[in-house]
Amino acid sequence: MGIPLMAVISLVVFVLSSLAGGSTGQAILGPTASPESIAELNAQLGADRPVLVQYGDWLRNALSGDLGTSVTTGFPVSETISSRLAVTLSLSVGALLLVIVLGVASGAVAAIRGGATGRLAEVLAVLGRGLPSFWLALIAVLVFGVNLAWVPVSGYVPIGESASGWVQSLIVPVAVLGVAETALVAVVTRAEMLSAMRSDYVRSLRSNGYPWKRIVFKHIAKNAAGPVLTMVSLVFVGLLGGTILMEQIFGMPGLGTLMVSATTKHDLPVIQGLAVFYTAMVVVVFLMTDIATGYLNPKVRAR
């Protein structure tokens, strides 16, 4: 299922990129270049051939592991992606950990304690989902980076260069990226745990005198884990897309900035490579989610 899906998405991306207007030669040479120069460069790059012919050549090479060469830098696409992958994964995985720790914990506490705590969680969730990420990012830059000067406001420090610098360069973008999704996961966690708490099975256990803590951890949490895990996987996919904006705002050289640059310069090999990579990531995430859900829920595993 994964390979056909990647093939379909790559075809759609290829066709849409070709229909977007302009050409690779025009994007490289700029608006002041003569039509003859643009046509000559397009011919050299093979960008003047029919779209399906170009796609067929790309697909044949991709199936053999060759994603092509960037027409703007001359470097292999696979190397270009791998050189920037650490930045995007640091952002998305860091935000995901924040979402899991704070979102699940606050949702569980709100469900178990109820009352004012539950209502407060709902209010914070609405606020978290309603505030635009770019607005939060700009406010965070002004407050923590400019006024207080606690953390860097732009750039990325590789962990191999400085572990402390790596952490400092990620604190603000990770927090901004994860805040809205943390609120969403908190709401879902609370709703699923409340649903499990109100089930006849849990009521029966409580009436029979089972310890409340044991009921919560062994039954309620386990029953709520499946839907929450599914939501977390969807959140991670959203975080991968959200890194594009964060990388632009904080000047981080990740896959998001690479995508924007490749789109601007009409660098089809890089655009195609990124489309395949992101699709593969989504397929892997959903596959791992299905496996984990089957482990948590024997009924799903049996199907």
C-alpha atoms as a PDB file:
ATOM      1  CA  MET A   1       0.000   0.000   0.000  1.00  0.00           C
ATOM      2  CA  GLY A   2       2.830   2.397   0.851  1.00  0.00           C
ATOM      3  CA  ILE A   3       4.664   2.227  -2.502  1.00  0.00           C
ATOM      4  CA  PRO A   4       1.535   2.748  -4.681  1.00  0.00           C
ATOM      5  CA  LEU A   5       0.520   5.647  -2.438  1.00  0.00           C
ATOM      6  CA  MET A   6       3.934   7.277  -2.828  1.00  0.00           C
ATOM      7  CA  ALA A   7       3.769   6.767  -6.603  1.00  0.00           C
ATOM      8  CA  VAL A   8       0.340   8.413  -6.831  1.00  0.00           C
ATOM      9  CA  ILE A   9       1.329  11.349  -4.636  1.00  0.00           C
ATOM     10  CA  SER A  10       4.588  11.850  -6.527  1.00  0.00           C
ATOM     11  CA  LEU A  11       2.658  11.924  -9.818  1.00  0.00           C
ATOM     12  CA  VAL A  12       0.172  14.469  -8.477  1.00  0.00           C
ATOM     13  CA  VAL A  13       2.977  16.657  -7.113  1.00  0.00           C
ATOM     14  CA  PHE A  14       4.909  16.394 -10.374  1.00  0.00           C
ATOM     15  CA  VAL A  15       1.933  17.390 -12.508  1.00  0.00           C
ATOM     16  CA  LEU A  16       0.865  20.245 -10.210  1.00  0.00           C
ATOM     17  CA  SER A  17       4.422  21.580 -10.059  1.00  0.00           C
ATOM     18  CA  SER A  18       4.620  21.514 -13.839  1.00  0.00           C
ATOM     19  CA  LEU A  19       1.297  23.329 -14.185  1.00  0.00           C
ATOM     20  CA  ALA A  20       2.172  25.971 -11.590  1.00  0.00           C
ATOM     21  CA  GLY A  21       3.633  28.296 -14.202  1.00  0.00           C
ATOM     22  CA  GLY A  22       7.156  29.248 -15.107  1.00  0.00           C
ATOM     23  CA  SER A  23       9.963  26.791 -15.702  1.00  0.00           C
ATOM     24  CA  THR A  24      13.089  25.531 -14.030  1.00  0.00           C
ATOM     25  CA  GLY A  25      15.265  27.562 -16.384  1.00  0.00           C
ATOM     26  CA  GLN A  26      13.336  30.747 -15.669  1.00  0.00           C
ATOM     27  CA  ALA A  27      13.513  30.156 -11.902  1.00  0.00           C
ATOM     28  CA  ILE A  28      17.290  29.642 -12.055  1.00  0.00           C
ATOM     29  CA  LEU A  29      18.196  32.467 -14.448  1.00  0.00           C
ATOM     30  CA  GLY A  30      15.730  35.001 -13.067  1.00  0.00           C
ATOM     31  CA  PRO A  31      13.121  37.289 -14.659  1.00  0.00           C
ATOM     32  CA  THR A  32      15.687  39.292 -16.649  1.00  0.00           C
ATOM     33  CA  ALA A  33      16.963  36.299 -18.643  1.00  0.00           C
ATOM     34  CA  SER A  34      16.206  36.137 -22.345  1.00  0.00           C
ATOM     35  CA  PRO A  35      13.733  33.543 -23.672  1.00  0.00           C
ATOM     36  CA  GLU A  36      16.559  31.958 -25.680  1.00  0.00           C
ATOM     37  CA  SER A  37      18.719  31.470 -22.568  1.00  0.00           C
ATOM     38  CA  ILE A  38      15.787  30.015 -20.651  1.00  0.00           C
ATOM     39  CA  ALA A  39      14.916  27.635 -23.482  1.00  0.00           C
ATOM     40  CA  GLU A  40      18.545  26.515 -23.782  1.00  0.00           C
ATOM     41  CA  LEU A  41      18.840  25.800 -20.054  1.00  0.00           C
ATOM     42  CA  ASN A  42      15.505  23.949 -20.009  1.00  0.00           C
ATOM     43  CA  ALA A  43      16.775  21.783 -22.870  1.00  0.00           C
ATOM     44  CA  GLN A  44      19.999  21.035 -20.993  1.00  0.00           C
ATOM     45  CA  LEU A  45      18.058  20.043 -17.885  1.00  0.00           C
ATOM     46  CA  GLY A  46      15.462  18.050 -19.831  1.00  0.00           C
ATOM     47  CA  ALA A  47      12.713  20.324 -18.522  1.00  0.00           C
ATOM     48  CA  ASP A  48      11.357  20.942 -22.024  1.00  0.00           C
ATOM     49  CA  ARG A  49      10.171  17.367 -22.457  1.00  0.00           C
ATOM     50  CA  PRO A  50       6.532  16.292 -21.896  1.00  0.00           C
ATOM     51  CA  VAL A  51       5.564  16.091 -18.228  1.00  0.00           C
ATOM     52  CA  LEU A  52       4.745  12.376 -18.270  1.00  0.00           C
ATOM     53  CA  VAL A  53       8.061  11.583 -19.960  1.00  0.00           C
ATOM     54  CA  GLN A  54       9.925  13.497 -17.263  1.00  0.00           C
ATOM     55  CA  TYR A  55       7.924  11.748 -14.564  1.00  0.00           C
ATOM     56  CA  GLY A  56       8.523   8.317 -16.096  1.00  0.00           C
ATOM     57  CA  ASP A  57      12.280   8.871 -16.066  1.00  0.00           C
ATOM     58  CA  TRP A  58      12.162  10.127 -12.489  1.00  0.00           C
ATOM     59  CA  LEU A  59      10.029   7.200 -11.297  1.00  0.00           C
ATOM     60  CA  ARG A  60      12.291   4.638 -12.954  1.00  0.00           C
ATOM     61  CA  ASN A  61      15.336   6.114 -11.238  1.00  0.00           C
ATOM     62  CA  ALA A  62      13.502   6.500  -7.913  1.00  0.00           C
ATOM     63  CA  LEU A  63      12.569   2.815  -7.850  1.00  0.00           C
ATOM     64  CA  SER A  64      16.277   2.018  -8.074  1.00  0.00           C
ATOM     65  CA  GLY A  65      17.008   4.339  -5.145  1.00  0.00           C
ATOM     66  CA  ASP A  66      18.085   7.406  -7.128  1.00  0.00           C
ATOM     67  CA  LEU A  67      15.965  10.472  -6.341  1.00  0.00           C
ATOM     68  CA  GLY A  68      17.885  12.563  -8.827  1.00  0.00           C
ATOM     69  CA  THR A  69      20.025  15.669  -8.548  1.00  0.00           C
ATOM     70  CA  SER A  70      18.993  19.165  -7.524  1.00  0.00           C
ATOM     71  CA  VAL A  71      18.959  21.404 -10.578  1.00  0.00           C
ATOM     72  CA  THR A  72      19.923  24.440  -8.498  1.00  0.00           C
ATOM     73  CA  THR A  73      22.746  23.051  -6.330  1.00  0.00           C
ATOM     74  CA  GLY A  74      23.937  20.032  -8.296  1.00  0.00           C
ATOM     75  CA  PHE A  75      23.909  17.838  -5.180  1.00  0.00           C
ATOM     76  CA  PRO A  76      22.025  14.507  -4.983  1.00  0.00           C
ATOM     77  CA  VAL A  77      18.508  14.942  -3.612  1.00  0.00           C
ATOM     78  CA  SER A  78      18.933  12.129  -1.077  1.00  0.00           C
ATOM     79  CA  GLU A  79      22.029  13.820   0.375  1.00  0.00           C
ATOM     80  CA  THR A  80      20.290  17.193   0.416  1.00  0.00           C
ATOM     81  CA  ILE A  81      17.356  15.755   2.375  1.00  0.00           C
ATOM     82  CA  SER A  82      19.520  13.779   4.803  1.00  0.00           C
ATOM     83  CA  SER A  83      21.675  16.834   5.553  1.00  0.00           C
ATOM     84  CA  ARG A  84      18.601  18.750   6.748  1.00  0.00           C
ATOM     85  CA  LEU A  85      16.637  15.895   8.284  1.00  0.00           C
ATOM     86  CA  ALA A  86      18.058  16.312  11.799  1.00  0.00           C
ATOM     87  CA  VAL A  87      16.650  19.834  12.074  1.00  0.00           C
ATOM     88  CA  THR A  88      13.104  18.860  11.146  1.00  0.00           C
ATOM     89  CA  LEU A  89      13.123  15.704  13.275  1.00  0.00           C
ATOM     90  CA  SER A  90      14.473  17.629  16.258  1.00  0.00           C
ATOM     91  CA  LEU A  91      11.591  20.080  15.964  1.00  0.00           C
ATOM     92  CA  SER A  92       8.808  17.582  15.299  1.00  0.00           C
ATOM     93  CA  VAL A  93       9.921  14.885  17.757  1.00  0.00           C
ATOM     94  CA  GLY A  94      10.630  17.469  20.450  1.00  0.00           C
ATOM     95  CA  ALA A  95       7.167  18.956  19.990  1.00  0.00           C
ATOM     96  CA  LEU A  96       5.649  15.461  20.009  1.00  0.00           C
ATOM     97  CA  LEU A  97       7.286  14.646  23.352  1.00  0.00           C
ATOM     98  CA  LEU A  98       5.908  17.900  24.737  1.00  0.00           C
ATOM     99  CA  VAL A  99       2.451  17.000  23.449  1.00  0.00           C
ATOM    100  CA  ILE A 100       2.563  13.509  24.950  1.00  0.00           C
ATOM    101  CA  VAL A 101       3.888  14.545  28.354  1.00  0.00           C
ATOM    102  CA  LEU A 102       1.760  17.646  28.907  1.00  0.00           C
ATOM    103  CA  GLY A 103      -1.281  16.785  26.802  1.00  0.00           C
ATOM    104  CA  VAL A 104      -1.867  13.271  28.080  1.00  0.00           C
ATOM    105  CA  ALA A 105      -0.996  14.158  31.675  1.00  0.00           C
ATOM    106  CA  SER A 106      -3.228  17.240  31.849  1.00  0.00           C
ATOM    107  CA  GLY A 107      -6.086  15.438  30.108  1.00  0.00           C
ATOM    108  CA  ALA A 108      -5.861  12.506  32.496  1.00  0.00           C
ATOM    109  CA  VAL A 109      -5.749  14.755  35.557  1.00  0.00           C
ATOM    110  CA  ALA A 110      -8.716  16.755  34.287  1.00  0.00           C
ATOM    111  CA  ALA A 111     -10.731  13.562  33.752  1.00  0.00           C
ATOM    112  CA  ILE A 112      -9.904  12.020  37.119  1.00  0.00           C
ATOM    113  CA  ARG A 113     -10.247  15.135  39.248  1.00  0.00           C
ATOM    114  CA  GLY A 114     -13.100  16.717  37.276  1.00  0.00           C
ATOM    115  CA  GLY A 115     -14.802  19.870  38.458  1.00  0.00           C
ATOM    116  CA  ALA A 116     -12.882  23.111  38.058  1.00  0.00           C
ATOM    117  CA  THR A 117      -9.781  21.276  36.838  1.00  0.00           C
ATOM    118  CA  GLY A 118     -11.697  19.763  33.939  1.00  0.00           C
ATOM    119  CA  ARG A 119     -13.263  23.077  32.973  1.00  0.00           C
ATOM    120  CA  LEU A 120      -9.866  24.791  33.165  1.00  0.00           C
ATOM    121  CA  ALA A 121      -8.427  22.163  30.821  1.00  0.00           C
ATOM    122  CA  GLU A 122     -11.217  22.823  28.322  1.00  0.00           C
ATOM    123  CA  VAL A 123     -10.645  26.590  28.448  1.00  0.00           C
ATOM    124  CA  LEU A 124      -6.891  26.205  27.969  1.00  0.00           C
ATOM    125  CA  ALA A 125      -7.507  23.797  25.098  1.00  0.00           C
ATOM    126  CA  VAL A 126      -9.737  26.304  23.317  1.00  0.00           C
ATOM    127  CA  LEU A 127      -7.170  29.055  23.829  1.00  0.00           C
ATOM    128  CA  GLY A 128      -4.335  26.828  22.678  1.00  0.00           C
ATOM    129  CA  ARG A 129      -6.142  25.822  19.499  1.00  0.00           C
ATOM    130  CA  GLY A 130      -7.371  29.332  18.785  1.00  0.00           C
ATOM    131  CA  LEU A 131      -4.070  31.209  18.924  1.00  0.00           C
ATOM    132  CA  PRO A 132      -2.261  31.287  15.546  1.00  0.00           C
ATOM    133  CA  SER A 133       1.145  29.594  15.627  1.00  0.00           C
ATOM    134  CA  PHE A 134       2.866  32.404  13.738  1.00  0.00           C
ATOM    135  CA  TRP A 135       1.538  34.946  16.249  1.00  0.00           C
ATOM    136  CA  LEU A 136       2.764  32.861  19.187  1.00  0.00           C
ATOM    137  CA  ALA A 137       6.136  32.460  17.484  1.00  0.00           C
ATOM    138  CA  LEU A 138       6.573  36.202  16.987  1.00  0.00           C
ATOM    139  CA  ILE A 139       5.530  36.949  20.577  1.00  0.00           C
ATOM    140  CA  ALA A 140       7.936  34.287  21.877  1.00  0.00           C
ATOM    141  CA  VAL A 141      10.782  35.756  19.828  1.00  0.00           C
ATOM    142  CA  LEU A 142      10.117  39.255  21.176  1.00  0.00           C
ATOM    143  CA  VAL A 143       9.707  38.198  24.809  1.00  0.00           C
ATOM    144  CA  PHE A 144      12.226  35.395  25.328  1.00  0.00           C
ATOM    145  CA  GLY A 145      14.711  36.191  22.590  1.00  0.00           C
ATOM    146  CA  VAL A 146      14.821  39.987  22.344  1.00  0.00           C
ATOM    147  CA  ASN A 147      13.579  41.441  25.641  1.00  0.00           C
ATOM    148  CA  LEU A 148      14.791  38.769  28.074  1.00  0.00           C
ATOM    149  CA  ALA A 149      17.576  37.368  25.850  1.00  0.00           C
ATOM    150  CA  TRP A 150      17.192  33.925  27.412  1.00  0.00           C
ATOM    151  CA  VAL A 151      17.467  31.902  24.216  1.00  0.00           C
ATOM    152  CA  PRO A 152      18.604  32.438  20.611  1.00  0.00           C
ATOM    153  CA  VAL A 153      15.901  33.835  18.345  1.00  0.00           C
ATOM    154  CA  SER A 154      17.120  32.230  15.132  1.00  0.00           C
ATOM    155  CA  GLY A 155      19.361  29.506  13.784  1.00  0.00           C
ATOM    156  CA  TYR A 156      20.040  25.900  14.697  1.00  0.00           C
ATOM    157  CA  VAL A 157      22.974  24.386  16.577  1.00  0.00           C
ATOM    158  CA  PRO A 158      23.707  20.709  15.735  1.00  0.00           C
ATOM    159  CA  ILE A 159      23.837  18.453  18.778  1.00  0.00           C
ATOM    160  CA  GLY A 160      27.277  17.242  17.742  1.00  0.00           C
ATOM    161  CA  GLU A 161      28.565  20.799  17.926  1.00  0.00           C
ATOM    162  CA  SER A 162      27.053  21.713  21.291  1.00  0.00           C
ATOM    163  CA  ALA A 163      24.410  19.798  23.246  1.00  0.00           C
ATOM    164  CA  SER A 164      23.436  22.844  25.310  1.00  0.00           C
ATOM    165  CA  GLY A 165      23.323  25.038  22.218  1.00  0.00           C
ATOM    166  CA  TRP A 166      21.139  22.449  20.489  1.00  0.00           C
ATOM    167  CA  VAL A 167      18.651  22.505  23.361  1.00  0.00           C
ATOM    168  CA  GLN A 168      18.600  26.305  23.521  1.00  0.00           C
ATOM    169  CA  SER A 169      17.983  26.617  19.780  1.00  0.00           C
ATOM    170  CA  LEU A 170      14.971  24.286  20.061  1.00  0.00           C
ATOM    171  CA  ILE A 171      13.237  25.508  23.230  1.00  0.00           C
ATOM    172  CA  VAL A 172      11.109  28.286  21.745  1.00  0.00           C
ATOM    173  CA  PRO A 173      10.195  26.720  18.358  1.00  0.00           C
ATOM    174  CA  VAL A 174       9.356  23.371  19.980  1.00  0.00           C
ATOM    175  CA  ALA A 175       7.158  25.048  22.594  1.00  0.00           C
ATOM    176  CA  VAL A 176       5.333  27.147  19.995  1.00  0.00           C
ATOM    177  CA  LEU A 177       4.905  24.195  17.641  1.00  0.00           C
ATOM    178  CA  GLY A 178       3.537  21.917  20.350  1.00  0.00           C
ATOM    179  CA  VAL A 179       1.259  24.225  22.331  1.00  0.00           C
ATOM    180  CA  ALA A 180      -1.828  23.950  20.127  1.00  0.00           C
ATOM    181  CA  GLU A 181      -1.510  20.195  19.684  1.00  0.00           C
ATOM    182  CA  THR A 182      -0.954  19.746  23.416  1.00  0.00           C
ATOM    183  CA  ALA A 183      -4.339  21.325  24.019  1.00  0.00           C
ATOM    184  CA  LEU A 184      -5.972  19.042  21.447  1.00  0.00           C
ATOM    185  CA  VAL A 185      -4.474  15.867  22.919  1.00  0.00           C
ATOM    186  CA  ALA A 186      -5.508  16.991  26.408  1.00  0.00           C
ATOM    187  CA  VAL A 187      -9.131  17.332  25.286  1.00  0.00           C
ATOM    188  CA  VAL A 188      -9.137  13.941  23.552  1.00  0.00           C
ATOM    189  CA  THR A 189      -7.464  12.233  26.518  1.00  0.00           C
ATOM    190  CA  ARG A 190      -9.974  13.708  28.942  1.00  0.00           C
ATOM    191  CA  ALA A 191     -12.942  12.716  26.763  1.00  0.00           C
ATOM    192  CA  GLU A 192     -11.737   9.135  26.266  1.00  0.00           C
ATOM    193  CA  MET A 193     -10.967   8.631  29.942  1.00  0.00           C
ATOM    194  CA  LEU A 194     -14.339  10.032  30.972  1.00  0.00           C
ATOM    195  CA  SER A 195     -16.014   7.669  28.517  1.00  0.00           C
ATOM    196  CA  ALA A 196     -14.139   4.725  30.011  1.00  0.00           C
ATOM    197  CA  MET A 197     -14.912   5.847  33.563  1.00  0.00           C
ATOM    198  CA  ARG A 198     -18.636   5.912  32.792  1.00  0.00           C
ATOM    199  CA  SER A 199     -18.696   2.426  31.291  1.00  0.00           C
ATOM    200  CA  ASP A 200     -20.675  -0.342  32.961  1.00  0.00           C
ATOM    201  CA  TYR A 201     -17.498  -2.397  33.303  1.00  0.00           C
ATOM    202  CA  VAL A 202     -15.755   0.231  35.420  1.00  0.00           C
ATOM    203  CA  ARG A 203     -18.876   0.826  37.483  1.00  0.00           C
ATOM    204  CA  SER A 204     -19.039  -2.891  38.183  1.00  0.00           C
ATOM    205  CA  LEU A 205     -15.417  -2.948  39.307  1.00  0.00           C
ATOM    206  CA  ARG A 206     -15.982  -0.009  41.635  1.00  0.00           C
ATOM    207  CA  SER A 207     -19.110  -1.565  43.113  1.00  0.00           C
ATOM    208  CA  ASN A 208     -17.136  -4.743  43.801  1.00  0.00           C
ATOM    209  CA  GLY A 209     -14.575  -2.812  45.801  1.00  0.00           C
ATOM    210  CA  TYR A 210     -11.598  -2.819  43.432  1.00  0.00           C
ATOM    211  CA  PRO A 211      -8.960  -0.199  44.335  1.00  0.00           C
ATOM    212  CA  TRP A 212      -9.545   3.027  42.390  1.00  0.00           C
ATOM    213  CA  LYS A 213      -5.896   3.463  41.384  1.00  0.00           C
ATOM    214  CA  ARG A 214      -5.791  -0.041  39.981  1.00  0.00           C
ATOM    215  CA  ILE A 215      -8.967   0.602  37.984  1.00  0.00           C
ATOM    216  CA  VAL A 216      -7.531   3.829  36.584  1.00  0.00           C
ATOM    217  CA  PHE A 217      -4.180   2.455  35.477  1.00  0.00           C
ATOM    218  CA  LYS A 218      -5.161  -1.069  34.462  1.00  0.00           C
ATOM    219  CA  HIS A 219      -8.556  -0.496  32.852  1.00  0.00           C
ATOM    220  CA  ILE A 220      -9.442   3.152  32.236  1.00  0.00           C
ATOM    221  CA  ALA A 221      -6.034   4.238  30.934  1.00  0.00           C
ATOM    222  CA  LYS A 222      -5.669   1.116  28.800  1.00  0.00           C
ATOM    223  CA  ASN A 223      -9.100   1.556  27.197  1.00  0.00           C
ATOM    224  CA  ALA A 224      -8.412   5.219  26.467  1.00  0.00           C
ATOM    225  CA  ALA A 225      -4.899   4.587  25.133  1.00  0.00           C
ATOM    226  CA  GLY A 226      -5.979   3.391  21.674  1.00  0.00           C
ATOM    227  CA  PRO A 227      -7.920   6.495  20.577  1.00  0.00           C
ATOM    228  CA  VAL A 228      -5.352   8.773  22.208  1.00  0.00           C
ATOM    229  CA  LEU A 229      -2.536   6.991  20.377  1.00  0.00           C
ATOM    230  CA  THR A 230      -4.372   7.433  17.088  1.00  0.00           C
ATOM    231  CA  MET A 231      -4.771  11.139  17.793  1.00  0.00           C
ATOM    232  CA  VAL A 232      -1.082  11.428  18.712  1.00  0.00           C
ATOM    233  CA  SER A 233      -0.104   9.874  15.371  1.00  0.00           C
ATOM    234  CA  LEU A 234      -2.282  12.395  13.528  1.00  0.00           C
ATOM    235  CA  VAL A 235      -0.754  15.165  15.604  1.00  0.00           C
ATOM    236  CA  PHE A 236       2.750  14.048  14.629  1.00  0.00           C
ATOM    237  CA  VAL A 237       1.836  14.233  10.956  1.00  0.00           C
ATOM    238  CA  GLY A 238       0.534  17.752  11.566  1.00  0.00           C
ATOM    239  CA  LEU A 239       3.731  18.657  13.400  1.00  0.00           C
ATOM    240  CA  LEU A 240       5.794  17.604  10.387  1.00  0.00           C
ATOM    241  CA  GLY A 241       3.847  20.123   8.333  1.00  0.00           C
ATOM    242  CA  GLY A 242       4.040  22.738  11.071  1.00  0.00           C
ATOM    243  CA  THR A 243       7.831  22.652  11.016  1.00  0.00           C
ATOM    244  CA  ILE A 244       7.727  24.444   7.650  1.00  0.00           C
ATOM    245  CA  LEU A 245       6.401  27.615   9.293  1.00  0.00           C
ATOM    246  CA  MET A 246       8.615  27.316  12.377  1.00  0.00           C
ATOM    247  CA  GLU A 247      11.751  26.872  10.282  1.00  0.00           C
ATOM    248  CA  GLN A 248      10.887  29.963   8.270  1.00  0.00           C
ATOM    249  CA  ILE A 249      10.250  32.118  11.340  1.00  0.00           C
ATOM    250  CA  PHE A 250      13.277  30.930  13.320  1.00  0.00           C
ATOM    251  CA  GLY A 251      15.665  30.643  10.376  1.00  0.00           C
ATOM    252  CA  MET A 252      16.326  26.922  10.787  1.00  0.00           C
ATOM    253  CA  PRO A 253      17.810  24.999   7.822  1.00  0.00           C
ATOM    254  CA  GLY A 254      15.420  22.049   7.819  1.00  0.00           C
ATOM    255  CA  LEU A 255      13.233  20.298   5.288  1.00  0.00           C
ATOM    256  CA  GLY A 256      10.626  23.046   5.525  1.00  0.00           C
ATOM    257  CA  THR A 257      12.991  25.746   4.314  1.00  0.00           C
ATOM    258  CA  LEU A 258      14.242  23.319   1.677  1.00  0.00           C
ATOM    259  CA  MET A 259      10.674  22.812   0.442  1.00  0.00           C
ATOM    260  CA  VAL A 260      10.045  26.565   0.221  1.00  0.00           C
ATOM    261  CA  SER A 261      13.339  27.135  -1.582  1.00  0.00           C
ATOM    262  CA  ALA A 262      12.773  24.261  -4.022  1.00  0.00           C
ATOM    263  CA  THR A 263       9.242  25.449  -4.795  1.00  0.00           C
ATOM    264  CA  THR A 264      10.419  29.009  -5.399  1.00  0.00           C
ATOM    265  CA  LYS A 265      13.216  27.844  -7.705  1.00  0.00           C
ATOM    266  CA  HIS A 266      11.051  25.237  -9.448  1.00  0.00           C
ATOM    267  CA  ASP A 267      13.515  22.504  -8.429  1.00  0.00           C
ATOM    268  CA  LEU A 268      11.356  19.506  -9.358  1.00  0.00           C
ATOM    269  CA  PRO A 269      13.772  16.743  -8.251  1.00  0.00           C
ATOM    270  CA  VAL A 270      13.932  18.184  -4.731  1.00  0.00           C
ATOM    271  CA  ILE A 271      10.162  18.752  -4.596  1.00  0.00           C
ATOM    272  CA  GLN A 272       9.585  15.161  -5.701  1.00  0.00           C
ATOM    273  CA  GLY A 273      12.099  13.804  -3.217  1.00  0.00           C
ATOM    274  CA  LEU A 274      10.489  15.689  -0.353  1.00  0.00           C
ATOM    275  CA  ALA A 275       7.016  14.519  -1.378  1.00  0.00           C
ATOM    276  CA  VAL A 276       8.185  10.900  -1.353  1.00  0.00           C
ATOM    277  CA  PHE A 277       9.975  11.351   1.963  1.00  0.00           C
ATOM    278  CA  TYR A 278       7.005  12.935   3.730  1.00  0.00           C
ATOM    279  CA  THR A 279       4.655  10.291   2.339  1.00  0.00           C
ATOM    280  CA  ALA A 280       6.973   7.537   3.549  1.00  0.00           C
ATOM    281  CA  MET A 281       7.083   9.141   6.997  1.00  0.00           C
ATOM    282  CA  VAL A 282       3.289   9.245   7.186  1.00  0.00           C
ATOM    283  CA  VAL A 283       3.003   5.609   6.086  1.00  0.00           C
ATOM    284  CA  VAL A 284       5.549   4.500   8.699  1.00  0.00           C
ATOM    285  CA  VAL A 285       3.844   6.489  11.470  1.00  0.00           C
ATOM    286  CA  PHE A 286       0.411   5.035  10.690  1.00  0.00           C
ATOM    287  CA  LEU A 287       1.850   1.509  10.416  1.00  0.00           C
ATOM    288  CA  MET A 288       3.501   1.820  13.821  1.00  0.00           C
ATOM    289  CA  THR A 289       0.247   3.209  15.222  1.00  0.00           C
ATOM    290  CA  ASP A 290      -1.710   0.216  13.914  1.00  0.00           C
ATOM    291  CA  ILE A 291       0.797  -2.174  15.478  1.00  0.00           C
ATOM    292  CA  ALA A 292       0.715  -0.373  18.826  1.00  0.00           C
ATOM    293  CA  THR A 293      -3.093  -0.167  18.784  1.00  0.00           C
ATOM    294  CA  GLY A 294      -3.304  -3.888  18.088  1.00  0.00           C
ATOM    295  CA  TYR A 295      -1.044  -4.559  21.049  1.00  0.00           C
ATOM    296  CA  LEU A 296      -3.183  -2.414  23.341  1.00  0.00           C
ATOM    297  CA  ASN A 297      -6.509  -3.740  22.041  1.00  0.00           C
ATOM    298  CA  PRO A 298      -6.702  -7.497  21.349  1.00  0.00           C
ATOM    299  CA  LYS A 299      -9.965  -7.008  19.413  1.00  0.00           C
ATOM    300  CA  VAL A 300      -8.166  -4.812  16.869  1.00  0.00           C
ATOM    301  CA  ARG A 301      -5.299  -7.305  16.662  1.00  0.00           C
ATOM    302  CA  ALA A 302      -7.742 -10.123  15.947  1.00  0.00           C
ATOM    303  CA  ARG A 303      -9.224  -8.211  12.994  1.00  0.00           C
END
